[in-house]
Protein backbone atom coordinates (compact mmCIF):
# COMPACT_ATOMS: atom_id res chain seq x y z
CA MET A 1 79.93 102.69 104.48
CA ARG A 2 83.49 102.37 103.24
CA LYS A 3 86.12 101.19 105.70
CA VAL A 4 89.82 101.98 106.11
CA ALA A 5 92.78 99.88 107.24
CA ASP A 6 95.92 101.90 107.93
CA CYS A 7 99.30 100.24 108.52
CA ARG A 8 100.36 103.26 110.56
CA ASP A 9 98.00 102.00 113.30
CA PHE A 10 100.28 98.98 113.89
CA PRO A 11 103.88 98.83 115.08
CA SER A 12 106.12 97.94 112.14
CA GLU A 13 109.86 97.66 111.69
CA SER A 14 109.47 98.86 108.11
CA GLY A 15 107.47 101.96 109.06
CA CYS A 16 104.80 101.00 106.51
CA THR A 17 102.35 103.79 105.66
CA LEU A 18 99.93 101.91 103.37
CA THR A 19 96.23 102.79 103.72
CA ILE A 20 93.54 100.62 102.15
CA SER A 21 89.93 101.77 101.76
CA GLY A 22 86.80 100.24 100.28
CA GLU A 23 83.94 97.97 101.21
CA GLU A 24 84.64 96.04 104.42
CA ASN A 25 85.21 92.62 102.87
CA GLU A 26 87.47 94.10 100.16
CA VAL A 27 89.58 95.89 102.75
CA VAL A 28 89.92 92.82 104.97
CA ARG A 29 90.97 90.68 102.00
CA ALA A 30 93.48 93.26 100.69
CA ALA A 31 94.87 94.04 104.15
CA ALA A 32 95.33 90.33 104.90
CA ASP A 33 97.16 89.84 101.60
CA HIS A 34 99.37 92.84 102.40
CA ALA A 35 100.05 91.58 105.94
CA VAL A 36 101.14 88.20 104.56
CA THR A 37 103.20 89.32 101.57
CA VAL A 38 104.83 92.42 103.04
CA HIS A 39 104.92 91.83 106.80
CA GLY A 40 105.25 88.03 106.92
CA HIS A 41 102.10 87.26 108.91
CA ALA A 42 100.29 83.94 108.50
CA ASP A 43 96.87 84.28 106.87
CA GLY A 44 93.88 82.81 108.63
CA PRO A 45 90.68 83.62 110.47
CA GLU A 46 92.52 85.12 113.45
CA LEU A 47 94.47 87.60 111.30
CA ARG A 48 91.36 88.59 109.35
CA GLU A 49 89.33 89.08 112.53
CA GLN A 50 92.11 91.22 113.99
CA ILE A 51 92.11 93.35 110.85
CA ARG A 52 88.30 93.59 110.85
CA SER A 53 88.30 94.74 114.50
CA THR A 54 90.63 97.65 113.74
CA LEU A 55 88.85 99.03 110.67
CA LYS A 56 87.71 102.63 110.80
CA ASP A 57 84.94 104.36 108.89
CA ASP A 58 86.19 106.16 105.79
CA VAL A 59 85.09 109.75 106.26
CA PRO A 60 84.98 111.64 102.93
CA GLU A 61 87.10 114.79 102.91
CA HIS A 62 84.17 116.86 101.70
CA ALA A 63 81.95 115.76 104.63
């Protein structure tokens, strides 16, 4: 099942609204890259596990 990471689920000074969806490992990798480059977080296992723990199932609109 596809997963979703949504920046709106996290407090952010920038008010980021980015949503990333895809296979779980793809989403974790892309969300970690986004968190580092846009929000200034340090990449590492802790960040990636935090992201993984907040992923939601991507429910198709036609479901």
